Amino acid sequence: MPARGDHDARRRDVSAAVWRVLADRGFGGLTLRAVAAEMGASTGLLTHYFPNKKALVSYALDVADERTSGRAVRGTDAPGLAALRAALLDVLPLTPEAAVMNRVWVGSWDGSLADPELREREMRRYRGWRDRLRVHVAAAVERGELPAAAGADDVDDVTAAAAAFAHGLVVHALFDPDGYPPERQVRMLDTWLASLAP
């Protein structure tokens, strides 16, 4: 039995190799062989961690979750619309690192849609993201920065529209980075947010 420190170090090595494969080749290129080659190890070593492709993909989603939650985010002391803007800017591919992160997530969609367990996992993840955005939308309504909602459904609809706008902009920027440079993404987001104002 390897020492705990050895196991933790190996896990970090595996995580780093999985991320490099995802960043370079996406989920389509994620195989035990590719990860092993990235580590300079045998595929036999990795079968101790991943008995099948689904286990590897699930682990890769864990790695992407860790990278996403561990990234630096924009902070703002202002609640409401300013906080919503900051949260949406954090999603956009405004830097090379953010573009890689988004390529990985967009690349995961096909496999997640095809597998009921992975689809459920991603549905919970995106629901959690909308829940975090909803807090900012509700605060913006309360502060008079967005039209007063007739009910919770209006806040939910604005929240869903914000998430959809951000994801749509992500997809366009990934496929056409020259057409959607960071400054244009920010300008488009600001114009969209301004269109919501009362």
N, C-alpha and C. Protein backbone atom coordinates (compact mmCIF):
# COMPACT_ATOMS: atom_id res chain seq x y z
N MET A 1 0.85 -1.18 0.00
CA MET A 1 0.00 0.00 0.00
C MET A 1 0.89 1.24 0.00
N PRO A 2 0.74 2.13 -1.01
CA PRO A 2 1.60 3.31 -1.04
C PRO A 2 1.27 4.25 0.11
N ALA A 3 2.26 5.03 0.52
CA ALA A 3 2.04 6.00 1.58
C ALA A 3 1.03 7.03 1.12
N ARG A 4 0.32 7.62 2.09
CA ARG A 4 -0.72 8.60 1.77
C ARG A 4 -0.14 9.76 0.93
N GLY A 5 1.04 10.22 1.31
CA GLY A 5 1.67 11.31 0.57
C GLY A 5 1.93 10.93 -0.87
N ASP A 6 2.36 9.68 -1.10
CA ASP A 6 2.59 9.20 -2.47
C ASP A 6 1.28 9.17 -3.26
N HIS A 7 0.22 8.70 -2.59
CA HIS A 7 -1.09 8.62 -3.23
C HIS A 7 -1.59 10.02 -3.61
N ASP A 8 -1.45 10.97 -2.69
CA ASP A 8 -1.90 12.34 -2.97
C ASP A 8 -1.09 12.96 -4.10
N ALA A 9 0.22 12.71 -4.10
CA ALA A 9 1.07 13.24 -5.17
C ALA A 9 0.68 12.63 -6.51
N ARG A 10 0.41 11.33 -6.52
CA ARG A 10 -0.01 10.66 -7.76
C ARG A 10 -1.34 11.22 -8.24
N ARG A 11 -2.26 11.47 -7.31
CA ARG A 11 -3.56 12.04 -7.69
C ARG A 11 -3.37 13.42 -8.32
N ARG A 12 -2.49 14.23 -7.74
CA ARG A 12 -2.21 15.54 -8.33
C ARG A 12 -1.62 15.40 -9.73
N ASP A 13 -0.72 14.43 -9.91
CA ASP A 13 -0.14 14.19 -11.23
C ASP A 13 -1.21 13.78 -12.24
N VAL A 14 -2.10 12.89 -11.80
CA VAL A 14 -3.18 12.43 -12.68
C VAL A 14 -4.09 13.60 -13.04
N SER A 15 -4.47 14.39 -12.02
CA SER A 15 -5.35 15.54 -12.27
C SER A 15 -4.72 16.51 -13.26
N ALA A 16 -3.44 16.79 -13.09
CA ALA A 16 -2.75 17.72 -13.98
C ALA A 16 -2.69 17.17 -15.40
N ALA A 17 -2.43 15.88 -15.52
CA ALA A 17 -2.36 15.26 -16.85
C ALA A 17 -3.73 15.24 -17.52
N VAL A 18 -4.77 14.93 -16.77
CA VAL A 18 -6.13 14.94 -17.32
C VAL A 18 -6.45 16.34 -17.82
N TRP A 19 -6.12 17.36 -17.03
CA TRP A 19 -6.42 18.73 -17.45
C TRP A 19 -5.66 19.10 -18.72
N ARG A 20 -4.39 18.72 -18.81
CA ARG A 20 -3.62 19.05 -20.01
C ARG A 20 -4.21 18.38 -21.25
N VAL A 21 -4.66 17.13 -21.11
CA VAL A 21 -5.29 16.45 -22.24
C VAL A 21 -6.59 17.15 -22.62
N LEU A 22 -7.40 17.50 -21.62
CA LEU A 22 -8.66 18.20 -21.91
C LEU A 22 -8.39 19.53 -22.61
N ALA A 23 -7.43 20.28 -22.10
CA ALA A 23 -7.13 21.60 -22.67
C ALA A 23 -6.62 21.48 -24.10
N ASP A 24 -5.87 20.42 -24.37
CA ASP A 24 -5.27 20.26 -25.70
C ASP A 24 -6.19 19.56 -26.69
N ARG A 25 -6.93 18.54 -26.22
CA ARG A 25 -7.70 17.69 -27.14
C ARG A 25 -9.19 17.61 -26.86
N GLY A 26 -9.61 18.15 -25.71
CA GLY A 26 -11.02 18.09 -25.35
C GLY A 26 -11.43 16.69 -24.90
N PHE A 27 -12.71 16.55 -24.62
CA PHE A 27 -13.22 15.26 -24.15
C PHE A 27 -13.13 14.19 -25.22
N GLY A 28 -13.18 14.60 -26.49
CA GLY A 28 -13.07 13.64 -27.57
C GLY A 28 -11.71 12.94 -27.59
N GLY A 29 -10.67 13.63 -27.13
CA GLY A 29 -9.33 13.05 -27.10
C GLY A 29 -8.92 12.50 -25.75
N LEU A 30 -9.87 12.48 -24.81
CA LEU A 30 -9.57 12.00 -23.46
C LEU A 30 -9.63 10.47 -23.43
N THR A 31 -8.47 9.86 -23.36
CA THR A 31 -8.37 8.41 -23.26
C THR A 31 -7.34 8.06 -22.19
N LEU A 32 -7.39 6.82 -21.71
CA LEU A 32 -6.38 6.38 -20.76
C LEU A 32 -4.99 6.48 -21.37
N ARG A 33 -4.89 6.13 -22.63
CA ARG A 33 -3.60 6.17 -23.32
C ARG A 33 -3.06 7.60 -23.39
N ALA A 34 -3.94 8.57 -23.70
CA ALA A 34 -3.50 9.96 -23.80
C ALA A 34 -3.05 10.49 -22.44
N VAL A 35 -3.79 10.16 -21.39
CA VAL A 35 -3.42 10.62 -20.04
C VAL A 35 -2.11 9.96 -19.61
N ALA A 36 -1.98 8.66 -19.88
CA ALA A 36 -0.75 7.95 -19.52
C ALA A 36 0.45 8.56 -20.25
N ALA A 37 0.29 8.85 -21.53
CA ALA A 37 1.39 9.44 -22.29
C ALA A 37 1.75 10.81 -21.73
N GLU A 38 0.75 11.56 -21.33
CA GLU A 38 0.99 12.89 -20.75
C GLU A 38 1.77 12.79 -19.44
N MET A 39 1.53 11.69 -18.71
CA MET A 39 2.23 11.48 -17.43
C MET A 39 3.56 10.77 -17.61
N GLY A 40 3.77 10.18 -18.78
CA GLY A 40 4.95 9.34 -18.96
C GLY A 40 4.82 8.05 -18.18
N ALA A 41 3.58 7.55 -18.09
CA ALA A 41 3.30 6.34 -17.32
C ALA A 41 2.63 5.31 -18.23
N SER A 42 2.37 4.14 -17.66
CA SER A 42 1.70 3.08 -18.43
C SER A 42 0.19 3.20 -18.26
N THR A 43 -0.53 2.70 -19.25
CA THR A 43 -1.99 2.68 -19.10
C THR A 43 -2.39 1.74 -17.96
N GLY A 44 -1.57 0.75 -17.69
CA GLY A 44 -1.86 -0.17 -16.59
C GLY A 44 -1.94 0.56 -15.26
N LEU A 45 -1.09 1.54 -15.06
CA LEU A 45 -1.13 2.32 -13.83
C LEU A 45 -2.47 3.02 -13.69
N LEU A 46 -2.97 3.57 -14.81
CA LEU A 46 -4.21 4.33 -14.74
C LEU A 46 -5.44 3.46 -14.56
N THR A 47 -5.36 2.19 -14.93
CA THR A 47 -6.53 1.33 -14.73
C THR A 47 -6.82 1.11 -13.25
N HIS A 48 -5.84 1.38 -12.40
CA HIS A 48 -6.10 1.32 -10.95
C HIS A 48 -7.01 2.47 -10.53
N TYR A 49 -6.97 3.56 -11.28
CA TYR A 49 -7.80 4.73 -10.98
C TYR A 49 -9.12 4.70 -11.74
N PHE A 50 -9.06 4.25 -12.99
CA PHE A 50 -10.22 4.33 -13.88
C PHE A 50 -10.48 2.97 -14.54
N PRO A 51 -11.46 2.23 -14.06
CA PRO A 51 -11.73 0.92 -14.66
C PRO A 51 -12.34 1.00 -16.05
N ASN A 52 -12.90 2.18 -16.41
CA ASN A 52 -13.51 2.32 -17.74
C ASN A 52 -13.53 3.80 -18.15
N LYS A 53 -13.95 4.04 -19.37
CA LYS A 53 -13.95 5.40 -19.92
C LYS A 53 -14.89 6.31 -19.13
N LYS A 54 -16.03 5.77 -18.71
CA LYS A 54 -16.98 6.59 -17.98
C LYS A 54 -16.36 7.09 -16.67
N ALA A 55 -15.60 6.26 -16.00
CA ALA A 55 -14.94 6.67 -14.76
C ALA A 55 -13.93 7.78 -15.04
N LEU A 56 -13.23 7.68 -16.17
CA LEU A 56 -12.27 8.70 -16.55
C LEU A 56 -12.99 10.02 -16.85
N VAL A 57 -14.08 9.96 -17.58
CA VAL A 57 -14.85 11.17 -17.91
C VAL A 57 -15.41 11.81 -16.65
N SER A 58 -15.94 10.99 -15.75
CA SER A 58 -16.48 11.51 -14.50
C SER A 58 -15.38 12.21 -13.70
N TYR A 59 -14.20 11.61 -13.67
CA TYR A 59 -13.08 12.22 -12.97
C TYR A 59 -12.67 13.52 -13.65
N ALA A 60 -12.67 13.53 -14.98
CA ALA A 60 -12.31 14.74 -15.72
C ALA A 60 -13.28 15.87 -15.38
N LEU A 61 -14.57 15.55 -15.22
CA LEU A 61 -15.53 16.57 -14.81
C LEU A 61 -15.22 17.08 -13.40
N ASP A 62 -14.78 16.16 -12.53
CA ASP A 62 -14.35 16.58 -11.18
C ASP A 62 -13.19 17.57 -11.28
N VAL A 63 -12.23 17.25 -12.13
CA VAL A 63 -11.06 18.12 -12.29
C VAL A 63 -11.51 19.48 -12.82
N ALA A 64 -12.41 19.48 -13.81
CA ALA A 64 -12.91 20.75 -14.35
C ALA A 64 -13.66 21.54 -13.29
N ASP A 65 -14.44 20.84 -12.46
CA ASP A 65 -15.14 21.51 -11.35
C ASP A 65 -14.14 22.16 -10.39
N GLU A 66 -13.09 21.42 -10.05
CA GLU A 66 -12.07 21.95 -9.13
C GLU A 66 -11.39 23.17 -9.74
N ARG A 67 -11.05 23.09 -11.02
CA ARG A 67 -10.40 24.21 -11.68
C ARG A 67 -11.33 25.42 -11.73
N THR A 68 -12.60 25.17 -11.99
CA THR A 68 -13.57 26.26 -12.07
C THR A 68 -13.76 26.93 -10.72
N SER A 69 -13.96 26.12 -9.69
CA SER A 69 -14.21 26.70 -8.37
C SER A 69 -12.95 27.31 -7.76
N GLY A 70 -11.79 26.88 -8.20
CA GLY A 70 -10.54 27.39 -7.65
C GLY A 70 -9.98 28.60 -8.38
N ARG A 71 -10.64 29.02 -9.45
CA ARG A 71 -10.10 30.14 -10.23
C ARG A 71 -10.37 31.47 -9.52
N ALA A 72 -9.58 32.46 -9.85
CA ALA A 72 -9.80 33.80 -9.31
C ALA A 72 -11.05 34.39 -9.94
N VAL A 73 -11.88 35.03 -9.14
CA VAL A 73 -13.10 35.64 -9.65
C VAL A 73 -13.08 37.14 -9.33
N ARG A 74 -13.90 37.86 -10.10
CA ARG A 74 -14.00 39.29 -9.88
C ARG A 74 -14.78 39.54 -8.60
N GLY A 75 -14.24 40.36 -7.75
CA GLY A 75 -14.96 40.70 -6.53
C GLY A 75 -15.60 42.07 -6.67
N THR A 76 -16.73 42.24 -6.05
CA THR A 76 -17.37 43.54 -5.99
C THR A 76 -18.10 43.65 -4.67
N ASP A 77 -18.00 44.81 -4.08
CA ASP A 77 -18.72 45.05 -2.83
C ASP A 77 -20.15 45.45 -3.10
N ALA A 78 -20.42 45.87 -4.33
CA ALA A 78 -21.76 46.32 -4.68
C ALA A 78 -22.66 45.13 -4.97
N PRO A 79 -23.83 45.09 -4.34
CA PRO A 79 -24.78 44.02 -4.64
C PRO A 79 -25.57 44.33 -5.92
N GLY A 80 -26.45 43.46 -6.26
CA GLY A 80 -27.36 43.72 -7.37
C GLY A 80 -26.73 43.60 -8.74
N LEU A 81 -26.98 44.60 -9.57
CA LEU A 81 -26.56 44.55 -10.98
C LEU A 81 -25.04 44.47 -11.13
N ALA A 82 -24.30 45.17 -10.28
CA ALA A 82 -22.83 45.12 -10.36
C ALA A 82 -22.33 43.71 -10.05
N ALA A 83 -22.94 43.05 -9.08
CA ALA A 83 -22.54 41.68 -8.74
C ALA A 83 -22.94 40.71 -9.84
N LEU A 84 -24.11 40.93 -10.45
CA LEU A 84 -24.54 40.08 -11.56
C LEU A 84 -23.57 40.24 -12.73
N ARG A 85 -23.19 41.47 -13.03
CA ARG A 85 -22.23 41.72 -14.11
C ARG A 85 -20.92 41.00 -13.85
N ALA A 86 -20.40 41.12 -12.62
CA ALA A 86 -19.14 40.47 -12.27
C ALA A 86 -19.24 38.96 -12.43
N ALA A 87 -20.36 38.38 -11.98
CA ALA A 87 -20.54 36.93 -12.08
C ALA A 87 -20.60 36.47 -13.53
N LEU A 88 -21.23 37.26 -14.39
CA LEU A 88 -21.32 36.89 -15.80
C LEU A 88 -19.97 37.09 -16.50
N LEU A 89 -19.25 38.15 -16.15
CA LEU A 89 -17.92 38.35 -16.73
C LEU A 89 -17.00 37.18 -16.39
N ASP A 90 -17.17 36.60 -15.20
CA ASP A 90 -16.32 35.47 -14.79
C ASP A 90 -16.51 34.25 -15.68
N VAL A 91 -17.63 34.18 -16.38
CA VAL A 91 -17.93 33.03 -17.23
C VAL A 91 -17.36 33.20 -18.64
N LEU A 92 -17.23 34.41 -19.08
CA LEU A 92 -16.84 34.67 -20.47
C LEU A 92 -15.37 34.35 -20.72
N PRO A 93 -15.04 33.93 -21.94
CA PRO A 93 -13.64 33.63 -22.30
C PRO A 93 -12.85 34.89 -22.61
N LEU A 94 -12.58 35.67 -21.56
CA LEU A 94 -11.90 36.96 -21.72
C LEU A 94 -10.39 36.85 -21.66
N THR A 95 -9.89 35.70 -21.19
CA THR A 95 -8.45 35.46 -21.12
C THR A 95 -8.16 34.11 -21.76
N PRO A 96 -6.91 33.84 -22.10
CA PRO A 96 -6.60 32.51 -22.66
C PRO A 96 -6.99 31.38 -21.70
N GLU A 97 -6.77 31.59 -20.40
CA GLU A 97 -7.13 30.55 -19.42
C GLU A 97 -8.64 30.33 -19.39
N ALA A 98 -9.40 31.42 -19.43
CA ALA A 98 -10.86 31.29 -19.42
C ALA A 98 -11.36 30.64 -20.71
N ALA A 99 -10.67 30.89 -21.81
CA ALA A 99 -11.06 30.25 -23.08
C ALA A 99 -10.84 28.75 -22.99
N VAL A 100 -9.72 28.32 -22.40
CA VAL A 100 -9.47 26.88 -22.22
C VAL A 100 -10.56 26.28 -21.34
N MET A 101 -10.86 26.94 -20.23
CA MET A 101 -11.89 26.44 -19.31
C MET A 101 -13.21 26.27 -20.05
N ASN A 102 -13.58 27.25 -20.84
CA ASN A 102 -14.84 27.17 -21.57
C ASN A 102 -14.82 26.10 -22.65
N ARG A 103 -13.68 25.94 -23.33
CA ARG A 103 -13.59 24.86 -24.33
C ARG A 103 -13.80 23.50 -23.68
N VAL A 104 -13.23 23.34 -22.50
CA VAL A 104 -13.40 22.07 -21.78
C VAL A 104 -14.87 21.85 -21.45
N TRP A 105 -15.53 22.87 -20.89
CA TRP A 105 -16.94 22.68 -20.51
C TRP A 105 -17.83 22.44 -21.72
N VAL A 106 -17.65 23.25 -22.76
CA VAL A 106 -18.47 23.06 -23.95
C VAL A 106 -18.20 21.68 -24.56
N GLY A 107 -16.95 21.24 -24.52
CA GLY A 107 -16.60 19.92 -25.02
C GLY A 107 -17.23 18.79 -24.22
N SER A 108 -17.59 19.06 -22.98
CA SER A 108 -18.19 18.01 -22.14
C SER A 108 -19.67 17.82 -22.41
N TRP A 109 -20.30 18.76 -23.08
CA TRP A 109 -21.74 18.71 -23.24
C TRP A 109 -22.22 17.49 -23.98
N ASP A 110 -21.54 17.10 -25.06
CA ASP A 110 -22.00 15.96 -25.86
C ASP A 110 -22.08 14.69 -25.02
N GLY A 111 -21.00 14.36 -24.33
CA GLY A 111 -21.00 13.16 -23.50
C GLY A 111 -21.99 13.24 -22.36
N SER A 112 -22.14 14.43 -21.78
CA SER A 112 -23.07 14.58 -20.66
C SER A 112 -24.52 14.45 -21.13
N LEU A 113 -24.81 14.94 -22.32
CA LEU A 113 -26.18 14.80 -22.83
C LEU A 113 -26.51 13.35 -23.17
N ALA A 114 -25.49 12.57 -23.52
CA ALA A 114 -25.72 11.19 -23.93
C ALA A 114 -25.82 10.22 -22.77
N ASP A 115 -25.34 10.61 -21.59
CA ASP A 115 -25.31 9.71 -20.44
C ASP A 115 -26.23 10.26 -19.35
N PRO A 116 -27.26 9.48 -18.94
CA PRO A 116 -28.23 10.00 -17.96
C PRO A 116 -27.60 10.45 -16.64
N GLU A 117 -26.61 9.73 -16.13
CA GLU A 117 -25.98 10.14 -14.87
C GLU A 117 -25.20 11.43 -15.02
N LEU A 118 -24.44 11.53 -16.10
CA LEU A 118 -23.67 12.75 -16.33
C LEU A 118 -24.59 13.93 -16.63
N ARG A 119 -25.68 13.65 -17.35
CA ARG A 119 -26.64 14.71 -17.65
C ARG A 119 -27.24 15.26 -16.35
N GLU A 120 -27.59 14.37 -15.44
CA GLU A 120 -28.15 14.78 -14.15
C GLU A 120 -27.13 15.60 -13.37
N ARG A 121 -25.90 15.17 -13.40
CA ARG A 121 -24.83 15.90 -12.70
C ARG A 121 -24.68 17.31 -13.25
N GLU A 122 -24.66 17.44 -14.57
CA GLU A 122 -24.49 18.75 -15.18
C GLU A 122 -25.74 19.62 -14.98
N MET A 123 -26.91 19.00 -14.99
CA MET A 123 -28.14 19.75 -14.73
C MET A 123 -28.07 20.38 -13.33
N ARG A 124 -27.59 19.61 -12.35
CA ARG A 124 -27.45 20.15 -10.99
C ARG A 124 -26.43 21.28 -10.95
N ARG A 125 -25.34 21.11 -11.69
CA ARG A 125 -24.29 22.13 -11.69
C ARG A 125 -24.81 23.44 -12.28
N TYR A 126 -25.50 23.36 -13.41
CA TYR A 126 -26.02 24.58 -14.03
C TYR A 126 -27.16 25.17 -13.21
N ARG A 127 -27.94 24.34 -12.57
CA ARG A 127 -28.98 24.85 -11.67
C ARG A 127 -28.34 25.61 -10.52
N GLY A 128 -27.25 25.07 -9.98
CA GLY A 128 -26.54 25.76 -8.90
C GLY A 128 -26.00 27.11 -9.35
N TRP A 129 -25.49 27.17 -10.59
CA TRP A 129 -25.00 28.44 -11.12
C TRP A 129 -26.14 29.45 -11.23
N ARG A 130 -27.29 29.00 -11.75
CA ARG A 130 -28.44 29.92 -11.85
C ARG A 130 -28.91 30.37 -10.47
N ASP A 131 -28.85 29.48 -9.49
CA ASP A 131 -29.23 29.87 -8.12
C ASP A 131 -28.33 31.00 -7.61
N ARG A 132 -27.03 30.91 -7.92
CA ARG A 132 -26.10 31.97 -7.49
C ARG A 132 -26.39 33.27 -8.24
N LEU A 133 -26.70 33.18 -9.52
CA LEU A 133 -27.05 34.38 -10.28
C LEU A 133 -28.36 34.99 -9.79
N ARG A 134 -29.30 34.14 -9.39
CA ARG A 134 -30.62 34.60 -8.96
C ARG A 134 -30.53 35.55 -7.77
N VAL A 135 -29.60 35.28 -6.88
CA VAL A 135 -29.41 36.16 -5.72
C VAL A 135 -29.10 37.58 -6.19
N HIS A 136 -28.26 37.71 -7.21
CA HIS A 136 -27.89 39.03 -7.73
C HIS A 136 -29.07 39.69 -8.46
N VAL A 137 -29.82 38.90 -9.21
CA VAL A 137 -30.98 39.45 -9.92
C VAL A 137 -32.01 39.95 -8.91
N ALA A 138 -32.29 39.15 -7.89
CA ALA A 138 -33.26 39.56 -6.87
C ALA A 138 -32.81 40.84 -6.17
N ALA A 139 -31.51 40.94 -5.88
CA ALA A 139 -30.99 42.15 -5.23
C ALA A 139 -31.11 43.35 -6.15
N ALA A 140 -30.88 43.15 -7.45
CA ALA A 140 -31.00 44.25 -8.41
C ALA A 140 -32.44 44.73 -8.49
N VAL A 141 -33.40 43.83 -8.42
CA VAL A 141 -34.81 44.21 -8.42
C VAL A 141 -35.12 45.00 -7.15
N GLU A 142 -34.65 44.49 -6.03
CA GLU A 142 -34.90 45.15 -4.74
C GLU A 142 -34.30 46.55 -4.71
N ARG A 143 -33.17 46.75 -5.36
CA ARG A 143 -32.49 48.05 -5.38
C ARG A 143 -33.06 48.98 -6.47
N GLY A 144 -34.00 48.50 -7.26
CA GLY A 144 -34.58 49.32 -8.32
C GLY A 144 -33.71 49.39 -9.57
N GLU A 145 -32.69 48.52 -9.66
CA GLU A 145 -31.81 48.51 -10.83
C GLU A 145 -32.42 47.71 -11.98
N LEU A 146 -33.33 46.84 -11.66
CA LEU A 146 -34.09 46.08 -12.65
C LEU A 146 -35.57 46.30 -12.35
N PRO A 147 -36.43 46.15 -13.36
CA PRO A 147 -37.86 46.37 -13.12
C PRO A 147 -38.37 45.51 -11.97
N ALA A 148 -39.28 46.08 -11.19
CA ALA A 148 -39.87 45.34 -10.08
C ALA A 148 -40.58 44.11 -10.62
N ALA A 149 -40.28 42.98 -10.05
CA ALA A 149 -40.86 41.73 -10.53
C ALA A 149 -42.28 41.57 -10.01
N ALA A 150 -43.15 41.04 -10.86
CA ALA A 150 -44.51 40.74 -10.42
C ALA A 150 -44.52 39.49 -9.55
N GLY A 151 -43.49 38.71 -9.64
CA GLY A 151 -43.41 37.49 -8.85
C GLY A 151 -42.08 36.81 -9.05
N ALA A 152 -41.91 35.69 -8.37
CA ALA A 152 -40.64 34.96 -8.42
C ALA A 152 -40.34 34.48 -9.83
N ASP A 153 -41.38 34.20 -10.63
CA ASP A 153 -41.15 33.72 -11.99
C ASP A 153 -40.39 34.74 -12.82
N ASP A 154 -40.66 36.04 -12.61
CA ASP A 154 -39.96 37.07 -13.36
C ASP A 154 -38.47 37.07 -13.03
N VAL A 155 -38.15 36.95 -11.75
CA VAL A 155 -36.74 36.89 -11.34
C VAL A 155 -36.08 35.65 -11.94
N ASP A 156 -36.79 34.54 -11.91
CA ASP A 156 -36.26 33.30 -12.49
C ASP A 156 -36.03 33.45 -13.99
N ASP A 157 -36.96 34.12 -14.68
CA ASP A 157 -36.82 34.30 -16.12
C ASP A 157 -35.63 35.19 -16.46
N VAL A 158 -35.43 36.27 -15.71
CA VAL A 158 -34.29 37.15 -15.95
C VAL A 158 -33.00 36.39 -15.66
N THR A 159 -33.01 35.59 -14.60
CA THR A 159 -31.83 34.79 -14.26
C THR A 159 -31.50 33.81 -15.38
N ALA A 160 -32.52 33.10 -15.86
CA ALA A 160 -32.31 32.14 -16.95
C ALA A 160 -31.83 32.85 -18.21
N ALA A 161 -32.38 34.04 -18.48
CA ALA A 161 -31.96 34.80 -19.66
C ALA A 161 -30.50 35.24 -19.53
N ALA A 162 -30.10 35.63 -18.33
CA ALA A 162 -28.71 36.04 -18.11
C ALA A 162 -27.76 34.86 -18.35
N ALA A 163 -28.12 33.71 -17.81
CA ALA A 163 -27.29 32.52 -18.01
C ALA A 163 -27.23 32.14 -19.48
N ALA A 164 -28.38 32.20 -20.16
CA ALA A 164 -28.43 31.86 -21.58
C ALA A 164 -27.63 32.85 -22.42
N PHE A 165 -27.72 34.14 -22.09
CA PHE A 165 -26.96 35.15 -22.83
C PHE A 165 -25.46 34.88 -22.68
N ALA A 166 -25.02 34.63 -21.45
CA ALA A 166 -23.60 34.39 -21.21
C ALA A 166 -23.12 33.15 -21.96
N HIS A 167 -23.90 32.07 -21.88
CA HIS A 167 -23.49 30.85 -22.57
C HIS A 167 -23.49 31.03 -24.08
N GLY A 168 -24.46 31.75 -24.61
CA GLY A 168 -24.47 32.01 -26.05
C GLY A 168 -23.25 32.80 -26.48
N LEU A 169 -22.89 33.79 -25.69
CA LEU A 169 -21.71 34.60 -26.00
C LEU A 169 -20.44 33.75 -25.91
N VAL A 170 -20.40 32.84 -24.93
CA VAL A 170 -19.26 31.92 -24.81
C VAL A 170 -19.09 31.12 -26.10
N VAL A 171 -20.17 30.54 -26.59
CA VAL A 171 -20.10 29.69 -27.78
C VAL A 171 -19.63 30.50 -28.99
N HIS A 172 -20.20 31.70 -29.19
CA HIS A 172 -19.77 32.53 -30.32
C HIS A 172 -18.29 32.90 -30.20
N ALA A 173 -17.85 33.26 -29.00
CA ALA A 173 -16.46 33.67 -28.82
C ALA A 173 -15.50 32.50 -29.00
N LEU A 174 -15.92 31.29 -28.63
CA LEU A 174 -15.05 30.13 -28.82
C LEU A 174 -14.89 29.79 -30.29
N PHE A 175 -15.97 29.88 -31.05
CA PHE A 175 -15.90 29.52 -32.47
C PHE A 175 -15.34 30.66 -33.33
N ASP A 176 -15.47 31.90 -32.86
CA ASP A 176 -15.00 33.04 -33.64
C ASP A 176 -14.29 34.03 -32.72
N PRO A 177 -13.13 33.64 -32.18
CA PRO A 177 -12.45 34.53 -31.23
C PRO A 177 -12.05 35.87 -31.82
N ASP A 178 -11.73 35.91 -33.11
CA ASP A 178 -11.38 37.19 -33.73
C ASP A 178 -12.60 38.10 -33.84
N GLY A 179 -13.75 37.51 -34.07
CA GLY A 179 -14.98 38.30 -34.18
C GLY A 179 -15.54 38.72 -32.84
N TYR A 180 -15.13 38.02 -31.78
CA TYR A 180 -15.64 38.32 -30.43
C TYR A 180 -14.48 38.48 -29.45
N PRO A 181 -13.63 39.49 -29.67
CA PRO A 181 -12.52 39.71 -28.73
C PRO A 181 -13.08 40.13 -27.37
N PRO A 182 -12.26 40.08 -26.33
CA PRO A 182 -12.74 40.40 -24.98
C PRO A 182 -13.49 41.72 -24.87
N GLU A 183 -12.96 42.77 -25.51
CA GLU A 183 -13.63 44.07 -25.37
C GLU A 183 -15.04 44.05 -25.97
N ARG A 184 -15.23 43.28 -27.05
CA ARG A 184 -16.57 43.19 -27.63
C ARG A 184 -17.49 42.39 -26.72
N GLN A 185 -16.98 41.32 -26.14
CA GLN A 185 -17.80 40.53 -25.22
C GLN A 185 -18.28 41.40 -24.06
N VAL A 186 -17.37 42.17 -23.49
CA VAL A 186 -17.74 43.03 -22.36
C VAL A 186 -18.77 44.07 -22.80
N ARG A 187 -18.53 44.68 -23.96
CA ARG A 187 -19.47 45.69 -24.46
C ARG A 187 -20.85 45.09 -24.69
N MET A 188 -20.90 43.89 -25.28
CA MET A 188 -22.19 43.25 -25.53
C MET A 188 -22.91 42.92 -24.24
N LEU A 189 -22.16 42.43 -23.25
CA LEU A 189 -22.78 42.13 -21.96
C LEU A 189 -23.34 43.40 -21.33
N ASP A 190 -22.56 44.47 -21.35
CA ASP A 190 -23.03 45.73 -20.75
C ASP A 190 -24.26 46.27 -21.47
N THR A 191 -24.28 46.14 -22.79
CA THR A 191 -25.45 46.60 -23.56
C THR A 191 -26.67 45.77 -23.20
N TRP A 192 -26.48 44.46 -23.07
CA TRP A 192 -27.61 43.59 -22.71
C TRP A 192 -28.13 43.92 -21.31
N LEU A 193 -27.23 44.09 -20.36
CA LEU A 193 -27.65 44.43 -19.00
C LEU A 193 -28.37 45.78 -18.98
N ALA A 194 -27.88 46.75 -19.75
CA ALA A 194 -28.52 48.06 -19.79
C ALA A 194 -29.93 47.95 -20.36
N SER A 195 -30.15 47.01 -21.27
CA SER A 195 -31.47 46.86 -21.88
C SER A 195 -32.51 46.35 -20.87
N LEU A 196 -32.04 45.80 -19.75
CA LEU A 196 -32.96 45.30 -18.74
C LEU A 196 -33.42 46.39 -17.78
N ALA A 197 -32.71 47.52 -17.77
CA ALA A 197 -32.97 48.56 -16.78
C ALA A 197 -34.39 49.09 -16.92
N PRO A 198 -34.98 49.53 -15.80
CA PRO A 198 -36.35 50.06 -15.87
C PRO A 198 -36.41 51.38 -16.62
